[in-house]
């Protein structure tokens, strides 16, 4: 049985989405750019492999 003090992943995700949508458009763009940079850094291919364009 889950505790009320331990929010589910779904609830946390919904809070993040709500917080993101409450940001002004310029701040949303900053968040998206930051996340894209994180993905790019963590998704680097192994040596000898190429990155496919998105």
N, C-alpha and C. Protein backbone atom coordinates (compact mmCIF):
# COMPACT_ATOMS: atom_id res chain seq x y z
N UNK A 1 0.84 -1.18 0.00
CA UNK A 1 0.00 0.00 0.00
C UNK A 1 0.89 1.25 0.00
N UNK A 2 0.56 2.21 -0.88
CA UNK A 2 1.38 3.41 -1.00
C UNK A 2 1.02 4.43 0.07
N UNK A 3 2.03 5.13 0.54
CA UNK A 3 1.84 6.17 1.54
C UNK A 3 1.46 7.48 0.86
N UNK A 4 0.66 8.27 1.52
CA UNK A 4 0.28 9.59 0.96
C UNK A 4 1.47 10.54 0.95
N UNK A 5 2.48 10.28 1.79
CA UNK A 5 3.67 11.13 1.85
C UNK A 5 4.62 10.87 0.68
N UNK A 6 4.43 9.76 -0.03
CA UNK A 6 5.30 9.39 -1.13
C UNK A 6 4.52 9.50 -2.44
N UNK A 7 4.57 10.70 -3.08
CA UNK A 7 3.77 10.89 -4.30
C UNK A 7 4.25 9.97 -5.42
N UNK A 8 3.31 9.54 -6.22
CA UNK A 8 3.63 8.65 -7.34
C UNK A 8 4.40 9.39 -8.42
N UNK A 9 5.03 8.62 -9.29
CA UNK A 9 5.75 9.22 -10.41
C UNK A 9 4.80 10.01 -11.30
N UNK A 10 3.59 9.48 -11.47
CA UNK A 10 2.61 10.17 -12.31
C UNK A 10 2.25 11.54 -11.72
N UNK A 11 2.05 11.59 -10.42
CA UNK A 11 1.70 12.85 -9.77
C UNK A 11 2.85 13.84 -9.87
N UNK A 12 4.07 13.37 -9.69
CA UNK A 12 5.22 14.26 -9.82
C UNK A 12 5.37 14.76 -11.25
N UNK A 13 5.13 13.89 -12.22
CA UNK A 13 5.20 14.29 -13.61
C UNK A 13 4.16 15.35 -13.95
N UNK A 14 2.94 15.16 -13.44
CA UNK A 14 1.90 16.15 -13.69
C UNK A 14 2.24 17.50 -13.07
N UNK A 15 2.85 17.48 -11.89
CA UNK A 15 3.27 18.74 -11.26
C UNK A 15 4.33 19.44 -12.09
N UNK A 16 5.27 18.66 -12.64
CA UNK A 16 6.30 19.25 -13.50
C UNK A 16 5.70 19.87 -14.75
N UNK A 17 4.77 19.15 -15.37
CA UNK A 17 4.12 19.68 -16.58
C UNK A 17 3.36 20.95 -16.25
N UNK A 18 2.62 20.94 -15.15
CA UNK A 18 1.87 22.13 -14.75
C UNK A 18 2.80 23.31 -14.48
N UNK A 19 3.91 23.06 -13.81
CA UNK A 19 4.88 24.12 -13.54
C UNK A 19 5.47 24.66 -14.83
N UNK A 20 5.80 23.74 -15.76
CA UNK A 20 6.35 24.16 -17.04
C UNK A 20 5.36 25.03 -17.80
N UNK A 21 4.10 24.61 -17.84
CA UNK A 21 3.09 25.36 -18.59
C UNK A 21 2.78 26.71 -17.95
N UNK A 22 3.07 26.86 -16.67
CA UNK A 22 2.80 28.14 -16.01
C UNK A 22 3.91 29.16 -16.25
N UNK A 23 5.02 28.71 -16.85
CA UNK A 23 6.13 29.62 -17.14
C UNK A 23 5.78 30.51 -18.33
N UNK A 24 6.36 31.72 -18.34
CA UNK A 24 6.21 32.56 -19.54
C UNK A 24 6.96 31.92 -20.72
N UNK A 25 6.55 32.23 -21.94
CA UNK A 25 7.14 31.59 -23.13
C UNK A 25 8.67 31.67 -23.21
N UNK A 26 9.26 32.79 -22.81
CA UNK A 26 10.72 32.90 -22.89
C UNK A 26 11.41 31.95 -21.91
N UNK A 27 10.83 31.75 -20.75
CA UNK A 27 11.40 30.82 -19.77
C UNK A 27 11.20 29.37 -20.23
N UNK A 28 10.07 29.08 -20.87
CA UNK A 28 9.85 27.73 -21.41
C UNK A 28 10.93 27.41 -22.43
N UNK A 29 11.27 28.38 -23.28
CA UNK A 29 12.31 28.18 -24.29
C UNK A 29 13.65 27.87 -23.62
N UNK A 30 13.94 28.55 -22.51
CA UNK A 30 15.19 28.28 -21.78
C UNK A 30 15.20 26.86 -21.22
N UNK A 31 14.07 26.44 -20.66
CA UNK A 31 13.98 25.09 -20.10
C UNK A 31 14.16 24.05 -21.21
N UNK A 32 13.50 24.25 -22.34
CA UNK A 32 13.62 23.30 -23.45
C UNK A 32 15.06 23.23 -23.96
N UNK A 33 15.72 24.37 -24.07
CA UNK A 33 17.11 24.39 -24.53
C UNK A 33 18.01 23.65 -23.54
N UNK A 34 17.77 23.85 -22.25
CA UNK A 34 18.55 23.17 -21.22
C UNK A 34 18.37 21.66 -21.30
N UNK A 35 17.13 21.22 -21.44
CA UNK A 35 16.85 19.79 -21.52
C UNK A 35 17.45 19.19 -22.79
N UNK A 36 17.37 19.90 -23.90
CA UNK A 36 17.96 19.41 -25.15
C UNK A 36 19.47 19.25 -25.00
N UNK A 37 20.11 20.20 -24.31
CA UNK A 37 21.55 20.10 -24.07
C UNK A 37 21.87 18.87 -23.21
N UNK A 38 21.08 18.64 -22.17
CA UNK A 38 21.29 17.47 -21.32
C UNK A 38 21.16 16.18 -22.11
N UNK A 39 20.14 16.11 -22.95
CA UNK A 39 19.92 14.91 -23.76
C UNK A 39 21.09 14.71 -24.70
N UNK A 40 21.54 15.78 -25.31
CA UNK A 40 22.65 15.70 -26.26
C UNK A 40 23.91 15.17 -25.56
N UNK A 41 24.19 15.66 -24.37
CA UNK A 41 25.38 15.25 -23.63
C UNK A 41 25.29 13.78 -23.22
N UNK A 42 24.12 13.36 -22.75
CA UNK A 42 23.97 12.00 -22.25
C UNK A 42 23.70 10.98 -23.34
N UNK A 43 23.40 11.42 -24.54
CA UNK A 43 23.09 10.50 -25.63
C UNK A 43 24.22 10.42 -26.65
N UNK A 44 25.41 10.80 -26.23
CA UNK A 44 26.54 10.74 -27.16
C UNK A 44 26.81 9.30 -27.55
N UNK A 45 27.03 9.07 -28.83
CA UNK A 45 27.28 7.70 -29.29
C UNK A 45 28.66 7.21 -28.86
N UNK A 46 28.83 5.92 -28.91
CA UNK A 46 30.13 5.31 -28.65
C UNK A 46 31.08 5.75 -29.77
N UNK A 47 32.36 5.61 -29.54
CA UNK A 47 33.32 5.98 -30.58
C UNK A 47 33.05 5.20 -31.86
N UNK A 48 33.13 5.90 -32.98
CA UNK A 48 32.95 5.24 -34.28
C UNK A 48 31.51 5.25 -34.75
N UNK A 49 30.57 5.66 -33.90
CA UNK A 49 29.17 5.75 -34.32
C UNK A 49 28.82 7.20 -34.58
N UNK A 50 27.86 7.41 -35.44
CA UNK A 50 27.41 8.76 -35.77
C UNK A 50 26.11 9.08 -35.05
N UNK A 51 25.91 10.37 -34.80
CA UNK A 51 24.65 10.84 -34.23
C UNK A 51 23.67 11.04 -35.36
N UNK A 52 22.48 10.49 -35.24
CA UNK A 52 21.48 10.69 -36.28
C UNK A 52 20.77 12.01 -36.02
N UNK A 53 20.49 12.78 -37.07
CA UNK A 53 19.81 14.06 -36.89
C UNK A 53 18.39 13.87 -36.41
N UNK A 54 17.95 14.82 -35.62
CA UNK A 54 16.58 14.75 -35.07
C UNK A 54 15.64 15.52 -35.95
